[in-house]
Each structure stands twice: as C-alpha cells, then as structure tokens.
N, C-alpha and C. Protein backbone atom coordinates (compact mmCIF):
# COMPACT_ATOMS: atom_id res chain seq x y z
N MET A 1 93.91 121.29 116.39
CA MET A 1 94.00 121.04 115.00
C MET A 1 93.41 120.02 114.45
N SER A 2 92.99 120.07 113.13
CA SER A 2 92.47 118.77 113.54
C SER A 2 93.17 117.52 112.27
N LEU A 3 92.81 116.36 112.29
CA LEU A 3 93.96 115.39 111.88
C LEU A 3 94.11 115.35 110.21
N ILE A 4 92.84 115.83 109.56
CA ILE A 4 93.27 116.33 108.83
C ILE A 4 94.30 116.72 108.08
N ARG A 5 94.16 118.20 108.64
CA ARG A 5 95.07 119.55 108.53
C ARG A 5 96.53 119.56 108.75
N ARG A 6 96.47 118.63 110.32
CA ARG A 6 98.06 117.84 110.31
C ARG A 6 98.49 116.82 109.32
N VAL A 7 98.24 116.01 108.77
CA VAL A 7 98.06 115.53 107.91
C VAL A 7 99.01 115.90 106.65
N ALA A 8 98.20 116.77 106.44
CA ALA A 8 97.90 117.02 104.83
C ALA A 8 99.49 118.57 104.83
N ARG A 9 99.55 118.68 106.30
CA ARG A 9 100.94 119.69 106.56
C ARG A 9 102.30 118.87 106.56
N GLN A 10 101.69 117.81 107.24
CA GLN A 10 103.23 116.76 107.17
C GLN A 10 103.23 116.10 106.33
N ASN A 11 102.43 116.26 104.87
CA ASN A 11 103.14 115.62 104.07
C ASN A 11 102.54 116.16 102.72
N GLN A 12 102.83 117.69 103.13
CA GLN A 12 102.75 118.48 102.06
C GLN A 12 103.17 118.40 100.30
N THR A 13 104.93 117.85 100.87
CA THR A 13 105.67 117.83 99.52
C THR A 13 105.13 116.34 98.82
N MET A 14 104.28 115.35 99.60
CA MET A 14 104.22 113.83 99.11
C MET A 14 102.72 114.34 98.27
N LEU A 15 101.97 114.99 99.06
CA LEU A 15 100.67 115.35 98.36
C LEU A 15 101.00 116.12 97.57
N MET A 16 101.32 117.12 97.22
CA MET A 16 101.95 118.09 95.83
C MET A 16 102.17 117.04 94.59
N LYS A 17 102.90 116.01 95.18
CA LYS A 17 103.52 115.00 94.00
C LYS A 17 102.54 113.92 93.73
N THR A 18 101.72 113.77 94.32
CA THR A 18 100.46 113.10 94.59
C THR A 18 99.59 113.76 92.93
N GLY A 19 99.19 114.77 93.44
CA GLY A 19 98.76 115.60 92.60
C GLY A 19 98.66 116.07 91.45
N SER A 20 100.39 116.05 91.10
CA SER A 20 100.45 116.22 89.94
C SER A 20 100.88 115.03 88.93
N TYR A 21 101.03 113.47 89.92
CA TYR A 21 100.62 112.56 89.06
C TYR A 21 99.45 112.32 88.95
N TYR A 22 98.52 112.12 89.72
CA TYR A 22 97.18 112.55 89.11
C TYR A 22 96.61 113.50 88.04
N LEU A 23 96.99 114.31 88.00
CA LEU A 23 96.45 115.02 86.81
C LEU A 23 97.08 114.29 85.33
N ILE A 24 98.49 114.08 85.53
CA ILE A 24 99.20 113.66 84.36
C ILE A 24 98.37 112.59 83.86
N HIS A 25 98.15 111.43 84.72
CA HIS A 25 97.90 110.42 84.94
C HIS A 25 96.23 110.08 84.08
N ILE A 26 95.28 111.48 84.39
CA ILE A 26 93.90 111.45 84.01
C ILE A 26 94.30 112.09 82.19
N CYS A 27 95.20 112.71 82.30
CA CYS A 27 95.35 112.76 81.24
C CYS A 27 95.67 111.72 79.85
N VAL A 28 96.43 111.04 80.41
CA VAL A 28 97.02 110.13 79.57
C VAL A 28 95.66 108.79 79.66
N ALA A 29 95.24 108.76 80.63
CA ALA A 29 94.00 107.56 80.57
C ALA A 29 92.59 107.96 79.66
N ALA A 30 92.92 109.15 79.72
CA ALA A 30 91.74 110.01 78.50
C ALA A 30 91.52 110.02 77.32
N LEU A 31 93.42 110.34 77.06
CA LEU A 31 93.47 109.79 75.46
C LEU A 31 93.77 108.40 75.11
N VAL A 32 94.21 107.67 76.24
CA VAL A 32 94.49 105.92 75.72
C VAL A 32 92.53 105.52 75.74
N ALA A 33 92.02 105.90 76.62
CA ALA A 33 90.41 105.07 76.71
C ALA A 33 89.66 105.74 75.53
N TYR A 34 89.78 106.94 74.87
CA TYR A 34 89.43 107.70 73.71
C TYR A 34 90.01 106.97 72.51
N ALA A 35 90.56 106.69 72.40
CA ALA A 35 91.19 106.29 71.87
C ALA A 35 90.91 104.39 71.52
N VAL A 36 90.99 103.93 72.73
CA VAL A 36 90.26 102.47 72.29
C VAL A 36 88.65 102.16 72.19
N THR A 37 88.11 103.30 73.01
CA THR A 37 86.46 103.62 72.85
C THR A 37 85.87 103.51 71.78
N GLY A 38 86.59 105.07 71.61
CA GLY A 38 86.10 105.91 70.64
C GLY A 38 85.15 106.95 71.22
N ASN A 39 84.74 106.81 72.13
CA ASN A 39 83.46 107.47 73.22
C ASN A 39 84.04 108.23 74.31
N LEU A 40 83.52 109.49 73.91
CA LEU A 40 84.33 110.39 74.82
C LEU A 40 83.66 110.50 76.26
N TRP A 41 82.30 110.20 76.90
CA TRP A 41 82.06 110.06 78.08
C TRP A 41 82.56 108.51 79.26
N ALA A 42 82.67 107.21 78.30
CA ALA A 42 83.66 106.60 78.26
C ALA A 42 84.75 106.73 78.61
N SER A 43 85.53 107.31 77.81
CA SER A 43 86.70 107.82 78.06
C SER A 43 86.97 108.84 79.50
N LEU A 44 86.05 109.83 79.38
CA LEU A 44 86.09 110.64 80.56
C LEU A 44 86.04 109.99 82.21
N THR A 45 85.00 108.99 81.76
CA THR A 45 84.63 107.75 82.77
C THR A 45 85.92 107.20 83.38
N LEU A 46 86.07 106.08 82.67
CA LEU A 46 87.73 105.89 83.28
C LEU A 46 88.64 106.35 83.26
N SER A 47 88.95 107.28 82.79
CA SER A 47 90.08 108.10 83.08
C SER A 47 89.92 109.16 84.26
N LEU A 48 88.94 109.46 85.07
CA LEU A 48 88.44 109.65 86.24
C LEU A 48 88.76 108.77 87.08
N LEU A 49 87.70 107.47 86.99
CA LEU A 49 88.11 106.55 88.26
C LEU A 49 89.31 105.63 88.11
N GLU A 50 90.12 105.34 87.60
CA GLU A 50 91.49 104.74 87.32
C GLU A 50 92.40 105.38 88.19
N PRO A 51 92.72 106.70 87.42
CA PRO A 51 93.71 107.42 88.46
C PRO A 51 93.31 108.31 89.87
N THR A 52 92.09 108.17 90.13
CA THR A 52 91.50 108.36 91.65
C THR A 52 92.19 107.38 92.43
N VAL A 53 91.77 106.08 92.35
CA VAL A 53 92.08 104.91 93.11
C VAL A 53 93.77 104.63 92.90
N GLN A 54 94.60 105.07 91.97
CA GLN A 54 96.11 105.09 91.76
C GLN A 54 96.55 106.03 92.63
N ALA A 55 95.72 107.26 92.42
CA ALA A 55 96.39 108.09 93.63
C ALA A 55 96.22 108.17 94.77
N VAL A 56 95.74 107.36 95.21
CA VAL A 56 95.57 107.06 96.84
C VAL A 56 96.23 105.69 96.83
N ALA A 57 96.72 104.97 96.04
CA ALA A 57 97.58 104.07 96.51
C ALA A 57 98.74 104.03 95.96
N PHE A 58 98.96 105.35 95.28
CA PHE A 58 100.53 106.08 95.11
C PHE A 58 100.69 106.82 96.31
N PHE A 59 99.86 107.40 97.18
CA PHE A 59 100.36 108.35 98.29
C PHE A 59 101.01 107.56 99.33
N PHE A 60 99.80 106.06 99.69
CA PHE A 60 100.44 105.25 100.81
C PHE A 60 101.49 104.39 100.10
N HIS A 61 102.39 103.81 98.80
CA HIS A 61 103.08 103.66 98.50
C HIS A 61 104.39 104.48 98.77
N GLU A 62 104.37 105.52 98.65
CA GLU A 62 105.37 106.61 99.17
C GLU A 62 105.12 106.69 100.69
N LYS A 63 103.93 106.71 101.64
CA LYS A 63 104.31 106.51 102.63
C LYS A 63 105.21 105.24 103.28
N ALA A 64 105.23 104.09 102.43
CA ALA A 64 105.59 102.91 103.00
C ALA A 64 106.94 102.69 102.59
N TRP A 65 107.11 103.72 101.39
CA TRP A 65 108.99 103.86 101.03
C TRP A 65 109.48 104.58 101.82
N ASP A 66 109.09 105.64 102.28
CA ASP A 66 109.50 106.71 103.50
C ASP A 66 109.49 106.07 104.68
N ARG A 67 108.69 105.48 105.34
CA ARG A 67 109.30 104.28 106.35
C ARG A 67 110.24 103.18 106.34
N ALA A 68 109.98 103.23 104.89
CA ALA A 68 111.41 101.54 104.98
C ALA A 68 112.81 102.61 104.96
N GLY A 69 113.11 104.02 104.06
CA GLY A 69 114.15 104.67 103.96
C GLY A 69 114.62 105.16 105.67
N ARG A 70 113.59 105.39 106.09
CA ARG A 70 114.12 105.71 107.74
C ARG A 70 114.19 104.73 108.47
N ARG A 71 113.67 103.31 108.35
CA ARG A 71 114.35 102.11 109.26
C ARG A 71 115.47 101.84 108.65
N ALA A 72 115.97 101.90 107.20
CA ALA A 72 116.95 101.06 107.03
C ALA A 72 118.48 102.71 107.50
N ALA A 73 117.84 103.75 107.64
CA ALA A 73 118.73 104.56 108.02
C ALA A 73 119.39 104.61 109.50
N ARG A 74 118.03 104.39 110.40
CA ARG A 74 118.23 103.75 111.41
C ARG A 74 119.40 103.00 111.75
N GLN A 75 118.89 101.58 110.98
CA GLN A 75 119.78 100.71 111.22
C GLN A 75 121.11 100.93 110.55
N SER A 76 121.54 101.92 109.60
CA SER A 76 122.80 101.55 109.02
C SER A 76 123.68 102.30 110.26
N ALA A 77 122.50 103.69 111.25
CA ALA A 77 123.18 104.15 111.98
C ALA A 77 123.80 103.60 113.65
N THR A 78 123.22 102.51 113.39
CA THR A 78 123.64 101.45 114.67
C THR A 78 124.73 100.65 114.10
N ALA A 79 125.11 100.59 113.40
CA ALA A 79 126.23 99.49 112.35
C ALA A 79 127.29 99.75 113.25
N SER A 80 128.26 98.76 113.54
CA SER A 80 129.23 98.86 114.24
C SER A 80 130.29 100.26 114.05
N PRO A 81 131.08 100.47 114.81
CA PRO A 81 131.78 101.88 114.70
C PRO A 81 132.59 101.78 113.69
N SER A 82 133.25 100.53 112.89
CA SER A 82 134.16 100.84 111.61
C SER A 82 133.14 101.28 110.67
N GLY A 83 132.57 101.62 110.43
CA GLY A 83 131.30 101.82 109.31
C GLY A 83 130.99 100.63 108.35
N SER A 84 131.23 99.65 108.80
CA SER A 84 131.14 98.11 108.38
C SER A 84 129.80 97.72 109.06
N PRO A 85 128.86 97.15 108.09
CA PRO A 85 127.86 96.91 108.98
C PRO A 85 128.31 95.54 109.95
N ALA A 86 127.37 95.44 110.90
CA ALA A 86 127.74 94.37 111.90
C ALA A 86 127.79 93.11 111.48
N ILE A 87 128.11 91.88 111.70
CA ILE A 87 127.91 90.62 111.21
C ILE A 87 127.34 89.89 112.46
N GLN A 88 125.98 89.25 112.11
CA GLN A 88 125.01 88.98 113.06
C GLN A 88 125.26 87.49 113.02
N GLY A 89 125.25 86.70 113.99
CA GLY A 89 125.02 85.55 114.16
C GLY A 89 126.73 85.22 114.19
N VAL A 90 127.42 85.73 114.01
CA VAL A 90 128.28 85.12 114.11
C VAL A 90 129.39 85.26 115.74
C-alpha cells in the first residue's frame, strides 16, 4: 500500500476536519479580500493562496497536539499508584 494511502487512512478524521476548515477559510478570505480590494481576481487569488498554506499548517498543528495529548496520557498513566502525580526531585 502506498505511503499516501496509509497516511490518509490513519488520519481520515483529521483530514476531513482540515478540508472543512479549508473550505470555510476560502469563503471568508474571498469575502474579506473582495471587500478590501474590490477586485474579483485579486480576491480569488488571495482566497486560494493563504488558506491553502493555512490548511497545511493546520494539519501539522493538529498532529502536534495529538502527539502531545498521547504523551500526557502516557505520563499520567505512569503517575504514582495513589492517583496523584509523582513528585520528582524529592
């Protein structure tokens, strides 16, 4: 199986969330750019460029937060048996 298919399958929910965010962002960016420039072509260009970069950044942002959440869960699982976090350095 190709790497792209495996990554897409493993991150299906995150990719769908990223896609919906991308579409909303394009619509908002197009409206704002048109309101500022009054130029349809400029607003379409700006509304496609900036959200595309943001969508890629958002995907990796979500991956980082997901990884941080898993790390925190592992750390809390290794806390002291009493349920309170172990005191380090004492």
